[in-house]
Protein backbone atom coordinates (compact mmCIF):
# COMPACT_ATOMS: atom_id res chain seq x y z
CA UNK A 1 -15.05 39.73 31.50
CA UNK A 2 -15.15 41.87 34.64
CA UNK A 3 -18.18 43.98 35.60
CA UNK A 4 -17.51 46.79 38.17
CA UNK A 5 -20.09 47.53 40.86
CA UNK A 6 -19.98 51.15 39.77
CA UNK A 7 -20.85 51.23 36.11
CA UNK A 8 -18.92 54.48 35.76
CA UNK A 9 -15.66 52.84 36.85
CA UNK A 10 -13.24 51.67 34.17
CA UNK A 11 -11.85 48.17 33.76
CA UNK A 12 -8.54 47.21 32.16
CA UNK A 13 -7.50 43.59 31.70
CA UNK A 14 -3.90 42.54 31.04
CA UNK A 15 -2.21 39.16 30.68
CA UNK A 16 -5.11 37.35 29.02
CA UNK A 17 -3.50 37.28 25.59
CA UNK A 18 -0.60 35.23 24.22
CA UNK A 19 -0.97 32.67 26.97
CA UNK A 20 1.84 30.15 27.40
CA UNK A 21 1.97 26.63 28.73
CA UNK A 22 1.81 26.60 32.52
CA UNK A 23 0.78 29.45 34.86
CA UNK A 24 -0.28 32.81 33.38
CA UNK A 25 -1.08 35.89 35.52
CA UNK A 26 -4.14 37.86 34.45
CA UNK A 27 -4.74 41.24 36.13
CA UNK A 28 -8.07 43.02 36.22
CA UNK A 29 -7.56 46.71 37.19
CA UNK A 30 -10.61 48.68 38.22
CA UNK A 31 -10.26 52.47 38.39
CA UNK A 32 -12.94 54.42 40.25
CA UNK A 33 -14.56 57.50 38.81
CA UNK A 34 -12.25 59.76 40.82
CA UNK A 35 -9.40 58.51 38.65
CA UNK A 36 -7.22 57.86 41.65
CA UNK A 37 -8.65 54.88 43.44
CA UNK A 38 -7.39 51.70 41.83
CA UNK A 39 -7.81 48.07 42.74
CA UNK A 40 -6.18 45.08 41.07
CA UNK A 41 -7.75 41.63 40.96
CA UNK A 42 -5.23 38.93 40.03
CA UNK A 43 -6.13 35.55 38.58
CA UNK A 44 -3.77 32.72 37.67
CA UNK A 45 -4.74 30.91 34.48
CA UNK A 46 -3.12 27.51 34.01
CA UNK A 47 -2.69 26.22 30.46
CA UNK A 48 -1.89 22.50 30.30
CA UNK A 49 0.92 21.37 28.04
CA UNK A 50 -0.06 19.91 24.68
CA UNK A 51 0.29 16.15 24.56
CA UNK A 52 3.57 14.71 23.29
CA UNK A 53 2.08 11.23 22.95
CA UNK A 54 2.69 9.95 19.41
CA UNK A 55 2.26 6.26 20.24
CA UNK A 56 -0.17 3.98 18.42
CA UNK A 57 -2.50 1.53 20.13
CA UNK A 58 -3.17 -0.63 17.08
CA UNK A 59 -2.08 -1.07 13.47
CA UNK A 60 -3.85 -2.95 10.69
CA UNK A 61 -3.08 -3.72 7.05
CA UNK A 62 -6.10 -4.67 4.95
CA UNK A 63 -7.99 -5.24 8.21
CA UNK A 64 -5.37 -7.71 9.49
CA UNK A 65 -3.44 -6.91 12.67
CA UNK A 66 0.16 -5.88 12.06
CA UNK A 67 3.11 -4.54 14.04
CA UNK A 68 5.50 -1.71 13.22
CA UNK A 69 8.60 -2.96 11.43
CA UNK A 70 6.92 -6.14 10.19
CA UNK A 71 6.78 -7.46 6.62
CA UNK A 72 3.38 -8.17 5.08
CA UNK A 73 3.06 -10.38 2.01
CA UNK A 74 0.45 -9.37 -0.55
CA UNK A 75 -0.86 -11.17 -3.66
CA UNK A 76 0.67 -10.50 -7.06
CA UNK A 77 -0.82 -7.50 -8.78
CA UNK A 78 -1.77 -5.67 -5.56
CA UNK A 79 -1.60 -1.91 -6.14
CA UNK A 80 -3.07 -0.51 -2.90
CA UNK A 81 -3.12 -1.50 0.76
CA UNK A 82 -5.47 -0.06 3.36
CA UNK A 83 -3.51 0.98 6.45
CA UNK A 84 -5.22 1.93 9.70
CA UNK A 85 -3.23 3.17 12.70
CA UNK A 86 -5.09 4.18 15.86
CA UNK A 87 -3.13 6.67 18.02
CA UNK A 88 -3.18 6.38 21.81
CA UNK A 89 -4.01 10.09 22.05
CA UNK A 90 -7.05 11.09 20.01
CA UNK A 91 -5.57 14.56 19.50
CA UNK A 92 -2.75 13.08 17.42
CA UNK A 93 -2.91 13.08 13.62
CA UNK A 94 -1.89 10.22 11.32
CA UNK A 95 -0.38 10.41 7.82
CA UNK A 96 0.23 7.40 5.56
CA UNK A 97 2.74 7.30 2.69
CA UNK A 98 3.83 4.49 0.40
CA UNK A 99 0.68 2.36 0.49
CA UNK A 100 -0.45 3.37 -3.01
CA UNK A 101 0.91 2.44 -6.44
CA UNK A 102 2.59 -0.65 -5.04
CA UNK A 103 5.02 -2.56 -7.25
CA UNK A 104 6.14 -6.16 -7.32
CA UNK A 105 8.62 -6.89 -4.53
CA UNK A 106 9.18 -4.92 -1.30
CA UNK A 107 7.45 -1.56 -0.72
CA UNK A 108 8.15 0.64 2.32
CA UNK A 109 5.11 2.21 3.99
CA UNK A 110 5.51 4.99 6.56
CA UNK A 111 2.93 5.81 9.21
CA UNK A 112 3.66 9.25 10.70
CA UNK A 113 1.89 10.02 13.99
CA UNK A 114 2.11 13.68 15.01
CA UNK A 115 1.29 14.54 18.62
CA UNK A 116 -0.66 17.65 19.63
CA UNK A 117 2.58 19.47 20.49
CA UNK A 118 4.06 18.86 17.04
CA UNK A 119 6.46 16.07 17.91
CA UNK A 120 6.08 12.93 15.83
CA UNK A 121 7.05 9.29 15.47
CA UNK A 122 7.35 7.40 12.19
CA UNK A 123 6.45 3.73 12.02
CA UNK A 124 7.45 1.68 8.98
CA UNK A 125 6.09 -1.47 7.38
CA UNK A 126 7.31 -3.49 4.42
CA UNK A 127 4.62 -4.61 1.99
CA UNK A 128 6.00 -7.32 -0.27
CA UNK A 129 3.92 -7.85 -3.39
CA UNK A 130 4.37 -11.31 -4.88
CA UNK A 131 6.23 -11.22 -8.17
CA UNK A 132 4.38 -12.70 -11.13
CA UNK A 133 6.12 -15.78 -12.46
CA UNK A 134 8.08 -15.66 -15.72
CA UNK A 135 8.08 -19.45 -16.02
CA UNK A 136 7.33 -20.34 -19.65
CA UNK A 137 8.47 -23.96 -19.53
CA UNK A 138 6.44 -26.93 -20.68
CA UNK A 139 5.83 -30.02 -18.58
CA UNK A 140 4.68 -32.05 -21.58
CA UNK A 141 4.30 -31.61 -25.33
CA UNK A 142 2.96 -34.36 -27.54
CA UNK A 143 1.76 -34.66 -31.13
CA UNK A 144 -0.27 -37.70 -32.18
CA UNK A 145 0.72 -39.29 -28.86
CA UNK A 146 4.44 -38.87 -29.47
CA UNK A 147 6.52 -36.92 -26.96
CA UNK A 148 8.10 -34.02 -28.85
CA UNK A 149 9.31 -32.02 -25.85
CA UNK A 150 12.79 -30.86 -26.72
CA UNK A 151 12.47 -32.16 -30.26
CA UNK A 152 12.17 -30.22 -33.48
CA UNK A 153 10.78 -32.70 -36.01
CA UNK A 154 8.14 -35.42 -36.33
CA UNK A 155 6.90 -37.54 -39.20
CA UNK A 156 3.26 -38.66 -39.25
CA UNK A 157 1.30 -41.10 -41.31
CA UNK A 158 0.30 -40.41 -44.88
CA UNK A 159 -3.12 -38.86 -45.21
CA UNK A 160 -3.04 -37.16 -41.83
CA UNK A 161 -4.83 -33.82 -42.07
CA UNK A 162 -5.50 -32.89 -38.44
CA UNK A 163 -3.10 -33.39 -35.54
CA UNK A 164 -3.81 -34.27 -31.96
CA UNK A 165 -1.63 -31.81 -30.03
CA UNK A 166 -1.33 -31.57 -26.26
CA UNK A 167 0.82 -29.18 -24.24
CA UNK A 168 0.92 -28.61 -20.48
CA UNK A 169 2.84 -25.90 -18.62
CA UNK A 170 4.84 -26.25 -15.42
CA UNK A 171 3.46 -23.07 -13.86
CA UNK A 172 -0.29 -22.90 -13.30
CA UNK A 173 -0.29 -19.15 -13.93
CA UNK A 174 0.91 -19.58 -17.51
CA UNK A 175 -1.35 -20.05 -20.53
CA UNK A 176 -0.94 -22.04 -23.75
CA UNK A 177 -2.09 -21.47 -27.32
CA UNK A 178 -1.56 -23.95 -30.15
CA UNK A 179 -1.50 -23.31 -33.89
CA UNK A 180 -0.87 -25.65 -36.81
CA UNK A 181 -3.17 -28.57 -35.98
CA UNK A 182 -4.51 -28.59 -39.55
CA UNK A 183 -1.78 -29.84 -41.87
CA UNK A 184 -1.14 -30.49 -45.54
CA UNK A 185 1.14 -32.92 -47.35
CA UNK A 186 4.76 -31.97 -46.91
CA UNK A 187 6.24 -29.99 -44.01
CA UNK A 188 4.08 -28.14 -41.51
CA UNK A 189 4.87 -26.05 -38.44
CA UNK A 190 3.12 -26.78 -35.17
CA UNK A 191 3.65 -23.84 -32.82
CA UNK A 192 2.92 -23.80 -29.09
CA UNK A 193 3.02 -20.34 -27.52
CA UNK A 194 3.39 -20.17 -23.74
CA UNK A 195 2.56 -16.88 -22.03
CA UNK A 196 3.87 -16.61 -18.46
CA UNK A 197 1.98 -14.94 -15.62
CA UNK A 198 4.12 -11.83 -16.00
CA UNK A 199 3.06 -11.44 -19.65
CA UNK A 200 6.26 -12.59 -21.30
CA UNK A 201 6.01 -15.41 -23.84
CA UNK A 202 8.00 -17.97 -25.79
CA UNK A 203 7.25 -20.42 -28.60
CA UNK A 204 7.97 -24.09 -29.15
CA UNK A 205 7.96 -25.15 -32.79
CA UNK A 206 7.93 -28.67 -34.22
CA UNK A 207 8.18 -29.36 -37.96
CA UNK A 208 5.68 -32.08 -38.80
CA UNK A 209 6.21 -33.93 -42.07
CA UNK A 210 3.49 -36.04 -43.62
CA UNK A 211 4.71 -39.25 -45.21
CA UNK A 212 4.20 -39.42 -48.95
């Protein structure tokens, strides 16, 4: 804005639009009322360069300090990880990809830091989600105190109507269900179903015969 001493004089300003990085020349031309007398006032306007700093000062995964390129181990079943990258230059922007819908095993997360001038740096992390165990093995399996692990048949005393059945798994994440404790004269099936942590299952069957 330029205000002439003589309100009747005209003012024209050039160079104040489409400024570029560095020095810009702005000219204020004042023309007197006679239309002939002209005076130029020149001002240099310096525009600083936009920052190219796309560095980060800190990086955290689920509130734990991490470093770019590192591998972070996460519990089985983890689907999301909170990533927080703090750029050195507050004018930089940060974009996270790959930290949602995580799957078992390694997952690549990218942290893209874009500087004010548009240049960017990508930082990667590997989030390894623990794989759920598929172990469906038994540590022990007994019926009426007899070890039947790996066996398919057992004969019990006459008159037995309810069996004492015990089964323990090797993996603590697996679960056990037992059917067939109540028996009748003749042949009966005792079935132990082991469901692993990953949801898969298998059965162990023993044919129990009651003595006549």
